[in-house]
Amino acid sequence: MKLKFGKILIFILLIGLIALPSVPALAANNLVYHCWQFNVDGAGGKCTSPSLIFNSNGTYTLGSESGTYGIRKGKIILSGSTFRGLGELKENGFQLFFDYHYNGKHHNVTYLLRPGAVR
């Protein structure tokens, strides 16, 4: 468990130091975040979003969406997302939070780092 937490911490530290639109292959492993909470205009609902997978080569997938990811001013940028906006890492990187407007409604979605996600 210590080894996995160390890998996560190193990944978060490396991500936090980068201010480029795409992150080069710095982490040796992929990180998988699963959808935990979903809220639209104050009403929670079943979180049906697919897992968000950050690959060590600087790419990501989220269901059929894919692209590159990066960090700018402490926020995560997903190149293939047209509505989600910037993500924010919370709880030492164990949570990833998105807050955005889509189709006239306010959304926020929280993803949790999947146990065993660092391989």
PDB file of N, CA and C in Angstrom:
ATOM      1  N   MET A   1       0.824  -1.186   0.000  1.00  0.00           N
ATOM      2  CA  MET A   1       0.000   0.000   0.000  1.00  0.00           C
ATOM      3  C   MET A   1       0.871   1.253   0.000  1.00  0.00           C
ATOM      4  N   LYS A   2       1.969   1.227   0.772  1.00  0.00           N
ATOM      5  CA  LYS A   2       2.860   2.372   0.805  1.00  0.00           C
ATOM      6  C   LYS A   2       3.409   2.684  -0.579  1.00  0.00           C
ATOM      7  N   LEU A   3       3.752   1.663  -1.329  1.00  0.00           N
ATOM      8  CA  LEU A   3       4.299   1.849  -2.666  1.00  0.00           C
ATOM      9  C   LEU A   3       3.279   2.520  -3.573  1.00  0.00           C
ATOM     10  N   LYS A   4       2.028   2.089  -3.521  1.00  0.00           N
ATOM     11  CA  LYS A   4       0.991   2.690  -4.361  1.00  0.00           C
ATOM     12  C   LYS A   4       0.780   4.144  -3.982  1.00  0.00           C
ATOM     13  N   PHE A   5       0.698   4.451  -2.684  1.00  0.00           N
ATOM     14  CA  PHE A   5       0.506   5.827  -2.263  1.00  0.00           C
ATOM     15  C   PHE A   5       1.688   6.681  -2.702  1.00  0.00           C
ATOM     16  N   GLY A   6       2.884   6.142  -2.632  1.00  0.00           N
ATOM     17  CA  GLY A   6       4.072   6.860  -3.084  1.00  0.00           C
ATOM     18  C   GLY A   6       4.004   7.178  -4.563  1.00  0.00           C
ATOM     19  N   LYS A   7       3.523   6.235  -5.369  1.00  0.00           N
ATOM     20  CA  LYS A   7       3.376   6.470  -6.807  1.00  0.00           C
ATOM     21  C   LYS A   7       2.355   7.555  -7.079  1.00  0.00           C
ATOM     22  N   ILE A   8       1.246   7.531  -6.335  1.00  0.00           N
ATOM     23  CA  ILE A   8       0.218   8.557  -6.505  1.00  0.00           C
ATOM     24  C   ILE A   8       0.786   9.922  -6.140  1.00  0.00           C
ATOM     25  N   LEU A   9       1.479   9.993  -5.025  1.00  0.00           N
ATOM     26  CA  LEU A   9       2.051  11.254  -4.584  1.00  0.00           C
ATOM     27  C   LEU A   9       3.053  11.794  -5.595  1.00  0.00           C
ATOM     28  N   ILE A  10       3.891  10.934  -6.131  1.00  0.00           N
ATOM     29  CA  ILE A  10       4.861  11.368  -7.146  1.00  0.00           C
ATOM     30  C   ILE A  10       4.126  11.879  -8.378  1.00  0.00           C
ATOM     31  N   PHE A  11       3.078  11.175  -8.810  1.00  0.00           N
ATOM     32  CA  PHE A  11       2.297  11.614  -9.966  1.00  0.00           C
ATOM     33  C   PHE A  11       1.706  13.000  -9.715  1.00  0.00           C
ATOM     34  N   ILE A  12       1.100  13.193  -8.543  1.00  0.00           N
ATOM     35  CA  ILE A  12       0.475  14.474  -8.210  1.00  0.00           C
ATOM     36  C   ILE A  12       1.515  15.575  -8.155  1.00  0.00           C
ATOM     37  N   LEU A  13       2.651  15.311  -7.553  1.00  0.00           N
ATOM     38  CA  LEU A  13       3.710  16.310  -7.488  1.00  0.00           C
ATOM     39  C   LEU A  13       4.212  16.686  -8.875  1.00  0.00           C
ATOM     40  N   LEU A  14       4.404  15.699  -9.725  1.00  0.00           N
ATOM     41  CA  LEU A  14       4.858  15.987 -11.083  1.00  0.00           C
ATOM     42  C   LEU A  14       3.813  16.769 -11.855  1.00  0.00           C
ATOM     43  N   ILE A  15       2.558  16.382 -11.725  1.00  0.00           N
ATOM     44  CA  ILE A  15       1.474  17.085 -12.404  1.00  0.00           C
ATOM     45  C   ILE A  15       1.434  18.537 -11.943  1.00  0.00           C
ATOM     46  N   GLY A  16       1.574  18.761 -10.643  1.00  0.00           N
ATOM     47  CA  GLY A  16       1.486  20.108 -10.097  1.00  0.00           C
ATOM     48  C   GLY A  16       2.598  21.033 -10.564  1.00  0.00           C
ATOM     49  N   LEU A  17       3.706  20.484 -11.003  1.00  0.00           N
ATOM     50  CA  LEU A  17       4.828  21.306 -11.437  1.00  0.00           C
ATOM     51  C   LEU A  17       4.763  21.680 -12.904  1.00  0.00           C
ATOM     52  N   ILE A  18       3.855  21.074 -13.644  1.00  0.00           N
ATOM     53  CA  ILE A  18       3.803  21.267 -15.089  1.00  0.00           C
ATOM     54  C   ILE A  18       2.778  22.333 -15.434  1.00  0.00           C
ATOM     55  N   ALA A  19       3.139  23.265 -16.296  1.00  0.00           N
ATOM     56  CA  ALA A  19       2.209  24.322 -16.708  1.00  0.00           C
ATOM     57  C   ALA A  19       2.075  24.335 -18.224  1.00  0.00           C
ATOM     58  N   LEU A  20       2.030  23.175 -18.825  1.00  0.00           N
ATOM     59  CA  LEU A  20       1.925  23.054 -20.277  1.00  0.00           C
ATOM     60  C   LEU A  20       0.572  22.467 -20.643  1.00  0.00           C
ATOM     61  N   PRO A  21       0.109  22.690 -21.884  1.00  0.00           N
ATOM     62  CA  PRO A  21      -1.199  22.155 -22.252  1.00  0.00           C
ATOM     63  C   PRO A  21      -1.255  20.641 -22.328  1.00  0.00           C
ATOM     64  N   SER A  22      -0.148  19.980 -22.470  1.00  0.00           N
ATOM     65  CA  SER A  22      -0.189  18.518 -22.422  1.00  0.00           C
ATOM     66  C   SER A  22       0.969  18.022 -21.583  1.00  0.00           C
ATOM     67  N   VAL A  23       0.712  16.969 -20.851  1.00  0.00           N
ATOM     68  CA  VAL A  23       1.710  16.429 -19.939  1.00  0.00           C
ATOM     69  C   VAL A  23       2.486  15.336 -20.655  1.00  0.00           C
ATOM     70  N   PRO A  24       3.794  15.426 -20.699  1.00  0.00           N
ATOM     71  CA  PRO A  24       4.563  14.346 -21.301  1.00  0.00           C
ATOM     72  C   PRO A  24       4.512  13.102 -20.424  1.00  0.00           C
ATOM     73  N   ALA A  25       5.029  12.028 -20.923  1.00  0.00           N
ATOM     74  CA  ALA A  25       4.982  10.761 -20.198  1.00  0.00           C
ATOM     75  C   ALA A  25       5.908  10.822 -19.002  1.00  0.00           C
ATOM     76  N   LEU A  26       5.382  11.289 -17.873  1.00  0.00           N
ATOM     77  CA  LEU A  26       6.185  11.423 -16.666  1.00  0.00           C
ATOM     78  C   LEU A  26       5.900  10.303 -15.679  1.00  0.00           C
ATOM     79  N   ALA A  27       4.639   9.959 -15.527  1.00  0.00           N
ATOM     80  CA  ALA A  27       4.297   8.903 -14.583  1.00  0.00           C
ATOM     81  C   ALA A  27       4.441   7.556 -15.277  1.00  0.00           C
ATOM     82  N   ALA A  28       4.888   6.586 -14.517  1.00  0.00           N
ATOM     83  CA  ALA A  28       5.117   5.270 -15.100  1.00  0.00           C
ATOM     84  C   ALA A  28       3.843   4.439 -15.179  1.00  0.00           C
ATOM     85  N   ASN A  29       2.759   4.924 -14.624  1.00  0.00           N
ATOM     86  CA  ASN A  29       1.533   4.135 -14.550  1.00  0.00           C
ATOM     87  C   ASN A  29       0.324   4.958 -14.955  1.00  0.00           C
ATOM     88  N   ASN A  30      -0.781   4.265 -15.248  1.00  0.00           N
ATOM     89  CA  ASN A  30      -2.044   4.921 -15.541  1.00  0.00           C
ATOM     90  C   ASN A  30      -2.797   5.149 -14.240  1.00  0.00           C
ATOM     91  N   LEU A  31      -3.615   6.207 -14.209  1.00  0.00           N
ATOM     92  CA  LEU A  31      -4.482   6.468 -13.067  1.00  0.00           C
ATOM     93  C   LEU A  31      -5.923   6.370 -13.535  1.00  0.00           C
ATOM     94  N   VAL A  32      -6.762   5.710 -12.742  1.00  0.00           N
ATOM     95  CA  VAL A  32      -8.167   5.524 -13.096  1.00  0.00           C
ATOM     96  C   VAL A  32      -9.022   6.177 -12.012  1.00  0.00           C
ATOM     97  N   TYR A  33      -9.890   7.096 -12.439  1.00  0.00           N
ATOM     98  CA  TYR A  33     -10.835   7.749 -11.551  1.00  0.00           C
ATOM     99  C   TYR A  33     -12.237   7.290 -11.936  1.00  0.00           C
ATOM    100  N   HIS A  34     -13.028   6.862 -10.951  1.00  0.00           N
ATOM    101  CA  HIS A  34     -14.409   6.467 -11.247  1.00  0.00           C
ATOM    102  C   HIS A  34     -15.365   7.536 -10.745  1.00  0.00           C
ATOM    103  N   CYS A  35     -16.496   7.658 -11.404  1.00  0.00           N
ATOM    104  CA  CYS A  35     -17.492   8.665 -11.050  1.00  0.00           C
ATOM    105  C   CYS A  35     -18.097   8.315  -9.694  1.00  0.00           C
ATOM    106  N   TRP A  36     -18.114   9.286  -8.790  1.00  0.00           N
ATOM    107  CA  TRP A  36     -18.595   9.058  -7.435  1.00  0.00           C
ATOM    108  C   TRP A  36     -19.877   9.840  -7.157  1.00  0.00           C
ATOM    109  N   GLN A  37     -19.874  11.153  -7.479  1.00  0.00           N
ATOM    110  CA  GLN A  37     -21.052  11.981  -7.253  1.00  0.00           C
ATOM    111  C   GLN A  37     -21.370  12.803  -8.489  1.00  0.00           C
ATOM    112  N   PHE A  38     -22.665  12.949  -8.749  1.00  0.00           N
ATOM    113  CA  PHE A  38     -23.120  13.729  -9.896  1.00  0.00           C
ATOM    114  C   PHE A  38     -24.295  14.579  -9.433  1.00  0.00           C
ATOM    115  N   ASN A  39     -24.266  15.864  -9.770  1.00  0.00           N
ATOM    116  CA  ASN A  39     -25.305  16.773  -9.330  1.00  0.00           C
ATOM    117  C   ASN A  39     -25.665  17.718 -10.473  1.00  0.00           C
ATOM    118  N   VAL A  40     -26.958  17.873 -10.747  1.00  0.00           N
ATOM    119  CA  VAL A  40     -27.439  18.798 -11.783  1.00  0.00           C
ATOM    120  C   VAL A  40     -28.448  19.736 -11.141  1.00  0.00           C
ATOM    121  N   ASP A  41     -28.134  21.031 -11.170  1.00  0.00           N
ATOM    122  CA  ASP A  41     -29.009  22.062 -10.592  1.00  0.00           C
ATOM    123  C   ASP A  41     -29.466  21.719  -9.170  1.00  0.00           C
ATOM    124  N   GLY A  42     -28.556  21.204  -8.359  1.00  0.00           N
ATOM    125  CA  GLY A  42     -28.851  20.931  -6.959  1.00  0.00           C
ATOM    126  C   GLY A  42     -29.455  19.574  -6.674  1.00  0.00           C
ATOM    127  N   ALA A  43     -29.775  18.817  -7.700  1.00  0.00           N
ATOM    128  CA  ALA A  43     -30.366  17.489  -7.511  1.00  0.00           C
ATOM    129  C   ALA A  43     -29.343  16.416  -7.852  1.00  0.00           C
ATOM    130  N   GLY A  44     -29.064  15.578  -6.895  1.00  0.00           N
ATOM    131  CA  GLY A  44     -28.128  14.483  -7.130  1.00  0.00           C
ATOM    132  C   GLY A  44     -28.791  13.379  -7.928  1.00  0.00           C
ATOM    133  N   GLY A  45     -27.966  12.584  -8.536  1.00  0.00           N
ATOM    134  CA  GLY A  45     -28.478  11.472  -9.316  1.00  0.00           C
ATOM    135  C   GLY A  45     -27.455  10.359  -9.370  1.00  0.00           C
ATOM    136  N   LYS A  46     -27.868   9.267  -9.948  1.00  0.00           N
ATOM    137  CA  LYS A  46     -26.961   8.141 -10.106  1.00  0.00           C
ATOM    138  C   LYS A  46     -25.837   8.544 -11.052  1.00  0.00           C
ATOM    139  N   CYS A  47     -24.633   8.294 -10.633  1.00  0.00           N
ATOM    140  CA  CYS A  47     -23.467   8.655 -11.440  1.00  0.00           C
ATOM    141  C   CYS A  47     -23.241   7.567 -12.492  1.00  0.00           C
ATOM    142  N   THR A  48     -23.517   7.919 -13.730  1.00  0.00           N
ATOM    143  CA  THR A  48     -23.404   6.948 -14.815  1.00  0.00           C
ATOM    144  C   THR A  48     -22.223   7.236 -15.735  1.00  0.00           C
ATOM    145  N   SER A  49     -21.465   8.264 -15.406  1.00  0.00           N
ATOM    146  CA  SER A  49     -20.302   8.602 -16.234  1.00  0.00           C
ATOM    147  C   SER A  49     -19.297   7.458 -16.214  1.00  0.00           C
ATOM    148  N   PRO A  50     -18.661   7.189 -17.335  1.00  0.00           N
ATOM    149  CA  PRO A  50     -17.619   6.160 -17.343  1.00  0.00           C
ATOM    150  C   PRO A  50     -16.382   6.634 -16.569  1.00  0.00           C
ATOM    151  N   SER A  51     -15.491   5.720 -16.307  1.00  0.00           N
ATOM    152  CA  SER A  51     -14.246   6.061 -15.609  1.00  0.00           C
ATOM    153  C   SER A  51     -13.385   6.967 -16.478  1.00  0.00           C
ATOM    154  N   LEU A  52     -12.641   7.825 -15.809  1.00  0.00           N
ATOM    155  CA  LEU A  52     -11.693   8.727 -16.452  1.00  0.00           C
ATOM    156  C   LEU A  52     -10.316   8.128 -16.263  1.00  0.00           C
ATOM    157  N   ILE A  53      -9.651   7.793 -17.370  1.00  0.00           N
ATOM    158  CA  ILE A  53      -8.360   7.108 -17.315  1.00  0.00           C
ATOM    159  C   ILE A  53      -7.275   8.027 -17.855  1.00  0.00           C
ATOM    160  N   PHE A  54      -6.300   8.335 -16.996  1.00  0.00           N
ATOM    161  CA  PHE A  54      -5.134   9.115 -17.389  1.00  0.00           C
ATOM    162  C   PHE A  54      -4.007   8.144 -17.715  1.00  0.00           C
ATOM    163  N   ASN A  55      -3.571   8.143 -18.955  1.00  0.00           N
ATOM    164  CA  ASN A  55      -2.489   7.263 -19.384  1.00  0.00           C
ATOM    165  C   ASN A  55      -1.140   7.951 -19.183  1.00  0.00           C
ATOM    166  N   SER A  56      -0.120   7.158 -18.957  1.00  0.00           N
ATOM    167  CA  SER A  56       1.207   7.701 -18.684  1.00  0.00           C
ATOM    168  C   SER A  56       1.819   8.415 -19.889  1.00  0.00           C
ATOM    169  N   ASN A  57       1.233   8.243 -21.076  1.00  0.00           N
ATOM    170  CA  ASN A  57       1.784   8.900 -22.268  1.00  0.00           C
ATOM    171  C   ASN A  57       1.170  10.287 -22.510  1.00  0.00           C
ATOM    172  N   GLY A  58       0.387  10.798 -21.534  1.00  0.00           N
ATOM    173  CA  GLY A  58      -0.193  12.129 -21.670  1.00  0.00           C
ATOM    174  C   GLY A  58      -1.557  12.146 -22.317  1.00  0.00           C
ATOM    175  N   THR A  59      -2.159  10.981 -22.560  1.00  0.00           N
ATOM    176  CA  THR A  59      -3.500  10.904 -23.132  1.00  0.00           C
ATOM    177  C   THR A  59      -4.487  10.467 -22.052  1.00  0.00           C
ATOM    178  N   TYR A  60      -5.767  10.652 -22.350  1.00  0.00           N
ATOM    179  CA  TYR A  60      -6.808  10.195 -21.435  1.00  0.00           C
ATOM    180  C   TYR A  60      -7.967   9.645 -22.243  1.00  0.00           C
ATOM    181  N   THR A  61      -8.813   8.869 -21.580  1.00  0.00           N
ATOM    182  CA  THR A  61     -10.083   8.431 -22.157  1.00  0.00           C
ATOM    183  C   THR A  61     -11.162   8.601 -21.096  1.00  0.00           C
ATOM    184  N   LEU A  62     -12.350   8.960 -21.556  1.00  0.00           N
ATOM    185  CA  LEU A  62     -13.527   9.088 -20.709  1.00  0.00           C
ATOM    186  C   LEU A  62     -14.692   8.630 -21.571  1.00  0.00           C
ATOM    187  N   GLY A  63     -14.985   7.340 -21.511  1.00  0.00           N
ATOM    188  CA  GLY A  63     -15.977   6.769 -22.415  1.00  0.00           C
ATOM    189  C   GLY A  63     -15.484   6.877 -23.848  1.00  0.00           C
ATOM    190  N   SER A  64     -16.280   7.492 -24.722  1.00  0.00           N
ATOM    191  CA  SER A  64     -15.872   7.650 -26.117  1.00  0.00           C
ATOM    192  C   SER A  64     -15.026   8.908 -26.328  1.00  0.00           C
ATOM    193  N   GLU A  65     -14.923   9.737 -25.304  1.00  0.00           N
ATOM    194  CA  GLU A  65     -14.095  10.951 -25.389  1.00  0.00           C
ATOM    195  C   GLU A  65     -12.637  10.592 -25.119  1.00  0.00           C
ATOM    196  N   SER A  66     -11.749  11.192 -25.881  1.00  0.00           N
ATOM    197  CA  SER A  66     -10.318  10.967 -25.636  1.00  0.00           C
ATOM    198  C   SER A  66      -9.546  12.193 -26.097  1.00  0.00           C
ATOM    199  N   GLY A  67      -8.334  12.281 -25.653  1.00  0.00           N
ATOM    200  CA  GLY A  67      -7.475  13.398 -26.024  1.00  0.00           C
ATOM    201  C   GLY A  67      -6.241  13.413 -25.145  1.00  0.00           C
ATOM    202  N   THR A  68      -5.686  14.594 -25.004  1.00  0.00           N
ATOM    203  CA  THR A  68      -4.531  14.757 -24.129  1.00  0.00           C
ATOM    204  C   THR A  68      -4.981  15.519 -22.888  1.00  0.00           C
ATOM    205  N   TYR A  69      -4.197  15.374 -21.830  1.00  0.00           N
ATOM    206  CA  TYR A  69      -4.497  16.108 -20.607  1.00  0.00           C
ATOM    207  C   TYR A  69      -3.286  16.922 -20.207  1.00  0.00           C
ATOM    208  N   GLY A  70      -3.547  17.945 -19.434  1.00  0.00           N
ATOM    209  CA  GLY A  70      -2.468  18.796 -18.955  1.00  0.00           C
ATOM    210  C   GLY A  70      -2.910  19.566 -17.733  1.00  0.00           C
ATOM    211  N   ILE A  71      -1.982  20.347 -17.195  1.00  0.00           N
ATOM    212  CA  ILE A  71      -2.250  21.158 -16.017  1.00  0.00           C
ATOM    213  C   ILE A  71      -1.915  22.601 -16.349  1.00  0.00           C
ATOM    214  N   ARG A  72      -2.802  23.494 -16.002  1.00  0.00           N
ATOM    215  CA  ARG A  72      -2.550  24.924 -16.154  1.00  0.00           C
ATOM    216  C   ARG A  72      -3.103  25.619 -14.916  1.00  0.00           C
ATOM    217  N   LYS A  73      -2.240  26.315 -14.215  1.00  0.00           N
ATOM    218  CA  LYS A  73      -2.625  27.043 -12.994  1.00  0.00           C
ATOM    219  C   LYS A  73      -3.340  26.127 -12.006  1.00  0.00           C
ATOM    220  N   GLY A  74      -2.827  24.915 -11.858  1.00  0.00           N
ATOM    221  CA  GLY A  74      -3.379  23.970 -10.903  1.00  0.00           C
ATOM    222  C   GLY A  74      -4.677  23.302 -11.307  1.00  0.00           C
ATOM    223  N   LYS A  75      -5.119  23.497 -12.525  1.00  0.00           N
ATOM    224  CA  LYS A  75      -6.363  22.891 -13.012  1.00  0.00           C
ATOM    225  C   LYS A  75      -6.052  21.881 -14.103  1.00  0.00           C
ATOM    226  N   ILE A  76      -6.822  20.814 -14.160  1.00  0.00           N
ATOM    227  CA  ILE A  76      -6.647  19.790 -15.182  1.00  0.00           C
ATOM    228  C   ILE A  76      -7.424  20.191 -16.430  1.00  0.00           C
ATOM    229  N   ILE A  77      -6.764  20.077 -17.562  1.00  0.00           N
ATOM    230  CA  ILE A  77      -7.364  20.400 -18.854  1.00  0.00           C
ATOM    231  C   ILE A  77      -7.493  19.111 -19.656  1.00  0.00           C
ATOM    232  N   LEU A  78      -8.683  18.842 -20.160  1.00  0.00           N
ATOM    233  CA  LEU A  78      -8.926  17.691 -21.026  1.00  0.00           C
ATOM    234  C   LEU A  78      -9.175  18.228 -22.431  1.00  0.00           C
ATOM    235  N   SER A  79      -8.281  17.927 -23.355  1.00  0.00           N
ATOM    236  CA  SER A  79      -8.354  18.516 -24.700  1.00  0.00           C
ATOM    237  C   SER A  79      -9.609  18.130 -25.464  1.00  0.00           C
ATOM    238  N   GLY A  80     -10.155  16.963 -25.214  1.00  0.00           N
ATOM    239  CA  GLY A  80     -11.308  16.485 -25.974  1.00  0.00           C
ATOM    240  C   GLY A  80     -12.649  16.889 -25.394  1.00  0.00           C
ATOM    241  N   SER A  81     -12.663  17.557 -24.257  1.00  0.00           N
ATOM    242  CA  SER A  81     -13.912  17.939 -23.612  1.00  0.00           C
ATOM    243  C   SER A  81     -14.374  19.294 -24.117  1.00  0.00           C
ATOM    244  N   THR A  82     -15.588  19.350 -24.638  1.00  0.00           N
ATOM    245  CA  THR A  82     -16.114  20.601 -25.172  1.00  0.00           C
ATOM    246  C   THR A  82     -17.016  21.331 -24.178  1.00  0.00           C
ATOM    247  N   PHE A  83     -17.417  20.674 -23.083  1.00  0.00           N
ATOM    248  CA  PHE A  83     -18.328  21.320 -22.139  1.00  0.00           C
ATOM    249  C   PHE A  83     -17.906  21.208 -20.682  1.00  0.00           C
ATOM    250  N   ARG A  84     -17.089  20.248 -20.347  1.00  0.00           N
ATOM    251  CA  ARG A  84     -16.775  19.943 -18.954  1.00  0.00           C
ATOM    252  C   ARG A  84     -15.921  21.012 -18.287  1.00  0.00           C
ATOM    253  N   GLY A  85     -15.054  21.652 -19.001  1.00  0.00           N
ATOM    254  CA  GLY A  85     -14.200  22.675 -18.411  1.00  0.00           C
ATOM    255  C   GLY A  85     -13.032  22.086 -17.648  1.00  0.00           C
ATOM    256  N   LEU A  86     -12.487  22.909 -16.772  1.00  0.00           N
ATOM    257  CA  LEU A  86     -11.303  22.530 -16.018  1.00  0.00           C
ATOM    258  C   LEU A  86     -11.671  21.665 -14.823  1.00  0.00           C
ATOM    259  N   GLY A  87     -10.813  20.684 -14.540  1.00  0.00           N
ATOM    260  CA  GLY A  87     -10.987  19.845 -13.366  1.00  0.00           C
ATOM    261  C   GLY A  87     -10.076  20.327 -12.257  1.00  0.00           C
ATOM    262  N   GLU A  88     -10.447  20.018 -11.036  1.00  0.00           N
ATOM    263  CA  GLU A  88      -9.653  20.412  -9.884  1.00  0.00           C
ATOM    264  C   GLU A  88      -9.343  19.187  -9.031  1.00  0.00           C
ATOM    265  N   LEU A  89      -8.063  18.964  -8.760  1.00  0.00           N
ATOM    266  CA  LEU A  89      -7.666  17.868  -7.880  1.00  0.00           C
ATOM    267  C   LEU A  89      -7.884  18.289  -6.439  1.00  0.00           C
ATOM    268  N   LYS A  90      -8.510  17.396  -5.665  1.00  0.00           N
ATOM    269  CA  LYS A  90      -8.764  17.647  -4.249  1.00  0.00           C
ATOM    270  C   LYS A  90      -8.324  16.433  -3.452  1.00  0.00           C
ATOM    271  N   GLU A  91      -8.265  16.617  -2.145  1.00  0.00           N
ATOM    272  CA  GLU A  91      -7.922  15.513  -1.232  1.00  0.00           C
ATOM    273  C   GLU A  91      -6.632  14.811  -1.659  1.00  0.00           C
ATOM    274  N   ASN A  92      -5.596  15.592  -1.882  1.00  0.00           N
ATOM    275  CA  ASN A  92      -4.278  15.074  -2.274  1.00  0.00           C
ATOM    276  C   ASN A  92      -4.321  14.227  -3.539  1.00  0.00           C
ATOM    277  N   GLY A  93      -5.197  14.583  -4.461  1.00  0.00           N
ATOM    278  CA  GLY A  93      -5.272  13.882  -5.730  1.00  0.00           C
ATOM    279  C   GLY A  93      -6.188  12.679  -5.740  1.00  0.00           C
ATOM    280  N   PHE A  94      -6.833  12.389  -4.612  1.00  0.00           N
ATOM    281  CA  PHE A  94      -7.738  11.247  -4.567  1.00  0.00           C
ATOM    282  C   PHE A  94      -9.114  11.587  -5.126  1.00  0.00           C
ATOM    283  N   GLN A  95      -9.414  12.888  -5.271  1.00  0.00           N
ATOM    284  CA  GLN A  95     -10.665  13.331  -5.875  1.00  0.00           C
ATOM    285  C   GLN A  95     -10.363  14.263  -7.036  1.00  0.00           C
ATOM    286  N   LEU A  96     -11.198  14.190  -8.048  1.00  0.00           N
ATOM    287  CA  LEU A  96     -11.117  15.083  -9.196  1.00  0.00           C
ATOM    288  C   LEU A  96     -12.511  15.673  -9.390  1.00  0.00           C
ATOM    289  N   PHE A  97     -12.629  16.998  -9.338  1.00  0.00           N
ATOM    290  CA  PHE A  97     -13.915  17.683  -9.321  1.00  0.00           C
ATOM    291  C   PHE A  97     -14.075  18.548 -10.565  1.00  0.00           C
ATOM    292  N   PHE A  98     -15.230  18.440 -11.220  1.00  0.00           N
ATOM    293  CA  PHE A  98     -15.590  19.278 -12.359  1.00  0.00           C
ATOM    294  C   PHE A  98     -16.850  20.054 -12.002  1.00  0.00           C
ATOM    295  N   ASP A  99     -16.869  21.342 -12.311  1.00  0.00           N
ATOM    296  CA  ASP A  99     -18.001  22.215 -12.063  1.00  0.00           C
ATOM    297  C   ASP A  99     -18.234  23.007 -13.345  1.00  0.00           C
ATOM    298  N   TYR A 100     -19.394  22.826 -13.996  1.00  0.00           N
ATOM    299  CA  TYR A 100     -19.611  23.433 -15.311  1.00  0.00           C
ATOM    300  C   TYR A 100     -21.097  23.606 -15.604  1.00  0.00           C
ATOM    301  N   HIS A 101     -21.393  24.379 -16.640  1.00  0.00           N
ATOM    302  CA  HIS A 101     -22.754  24.557 -17.135  1.00  0.00           C
ATOM    303  C   HIS A 101     -22.881  23.844 -18.482  1.00  0.00           C
ATOM    304  N   TYR A 102     -23.991  23.125 -18.643  1.00  0.00           N
ATOM    305  CA  TYR A 102     -24.237  22.391 -19.878  1.00  0.00           C
ATOM    306  C   TYR A 102     -25.740  22.367 -20.113  1.00  0.00           C
ATOM    307  N   ASN A 103     -26.159  22.713 -21.312  1.00  0.00           N
ATOM    308  CA  ASN A 103     -27.585  22.765 -21.663  1.00  0.00           C
ATOM    309  C   ASN A 103     -28.385  23.609 -20.669  1.00  0.00           C
ATOM    310  N   GLY A 104     -27.791  24.732 -20.234  1.00  0.00           N
ATOM    311  CA  GLY A 104     -28.479  25.646 -19.332  1.00  0.00           C
ATOM    312  C   GLY A 104     -28.589  25.186 -17.896  1.00  0.00           C
ATOM    313  N   LYS A 105     -27.907  24.117 -17.538  1.00  0.00           N
ATOM    314  CA  LYS A 105     -27.971  23.590 -16.174  1.00  0.00           C
ATOM    315  C   LYS A 105     -26.575  23.539 -15.553  1.00  0.00           C
ATOM    316  N   HIS A 106     -26.551  23.731 -14.246  1.00  0.00           N
ATOM    317  CA  HIS A 106     -25.291  23.685 -13.506  1.00  0.00           C
ATOM    318  C   HIS A 106     -24.992  22.244 -13.094  1.00  0.00           C
ATOM    319  N   HIS A 107     -23.814  21.761 -13.474  1.00  0.00           N
ATOM    320  CA  HIS A 107     -23.391  20.391 -13.167  1.00  0.00           C
ATOM    321  C   HIS A 107     -22.141  20.432 -12.280  1.00  0.00           C
ATOM    322  N   ASN A 108     -22.054  19.472 -11.393  1.00  0.00           N
ATOM    323  CA  ASN A 108     -20.764  19.183 -10.789  1.00  0.00           C
ATOM    324  C   ASN A 108     -20.643  17.675 -10.615  1.00  0.00           C
ATOM    325  N   VAL A 109     -19.455  17.207 -10.916  1.00  0.00           N
ATOM    326  CA  VAL A 109     -19.174  15.769 -10.914  1.00  0.00           C
ATOM    327  C   VAL A 109     -17.876  15.548 -10.153  1.00  0.00           C
ATOM    328  N   THR A 110     -17.900  14.576  -9.255  1.00  0.00           N
ATOM    329  CA  THR A 110     -16.702  14.219  -8.502  1.00  0.00           C
ATOM    330  C   THR A 110     -16.295  12.799  -8.866  1.00  0.00           C
ATOM    331  N   TYR A 111     -15.034  12.645  -9.212  1.00  0.00           N
ATOM    332  CA  TYR A 111     -14.444  11.332  -9.486  1.00  0.00           C
ATOM    333  C   TYR A 111     -13.500  10.983  -8.348  1.00  0.00           C
ATOM    334  N   LEU A 112     -13.443   9.704  -7.995  1.00  0.00           N
ATOM    335  CA  LEU A 112     -12.517   9.222  -6.980  1.00  0.00           C
ATOM    336  C   LEU A 112     -11.472   8.331  -7.617  1.00  0.00           C
ATOM    337  N   LEU A 113     -10.259   8.436  -7.114  1.00  0.00           N
ATOM    338  CA  LEU A 113      -9.199   7.550  -7.589  1.00  0.00           C
ATOM    339  C   LEU A 113      -9.585   6.128  -7.207  1.00  0.00           C
ATOM    340  N   ARG A 114      -9.642   5.279  -8.197  1.00  0.00           N
ATOM    341  CA  ARG A 114     -10.048   3.889  -7.976  1.00  0.00           C
ATOM    342  C   ARG A 114      -8.981   3.155  -7.177  1.00  0.00           C
ATOM    343  N   PRO A 115      -9.381   2.424  -6.133  1.00  0.00           N
ATOM    344  CA  PRO A 115      -8.398   1.620  -5.396  1.00  0.00           C
ATOM    345  C   PRO A 115      -7.684   0.664  -6.343  1.00  0.00           C
ATOM    346  N   GLY A 116      -6.401   0.596  -6.238  1.00  0.00           N
ATOM    347  CA  GLY A 116      -5.617  -0.259  -7.116  1.00  0.00           C
ATOM    348  C   GLY A 116      -5.438   0.320  -8.498  1.00  0.00           C
ATOM    349  N   ALA A 117      -5.777   1.609  -8.680  1.00  0.00           N
ATOM    350  CA  ALA A 117      -5.718   2.232 -10.013  1.00  0.00           C
ATOM    351  C   ALA A 117      -4.291   2.412 -10.499  1.00  0.00           C
ATOM    352  N   VAL A 118      -3.376   2.541  -9.575  1.00  0.00           N
ATOM    353  CA  VAL A 118      -1.978   2.703  -9.978  1.00  0.00           C
ATOM    354  C   VAL A 118      -1.390   1.317 -10.127  1.00  0.00           C
ATOM    355  N   ARG A 119      -1.004   1.006 -11.363  1.00  0.00           N
ATOM    356  CA  ARG A 119      -0.509  -0.353 -11.634  1.00  0.00           C
ATOM    357  C   ARG A 119       0.967  -0.329 -11.893  1.00  0.00           C
TER     358      ARG A 119
END
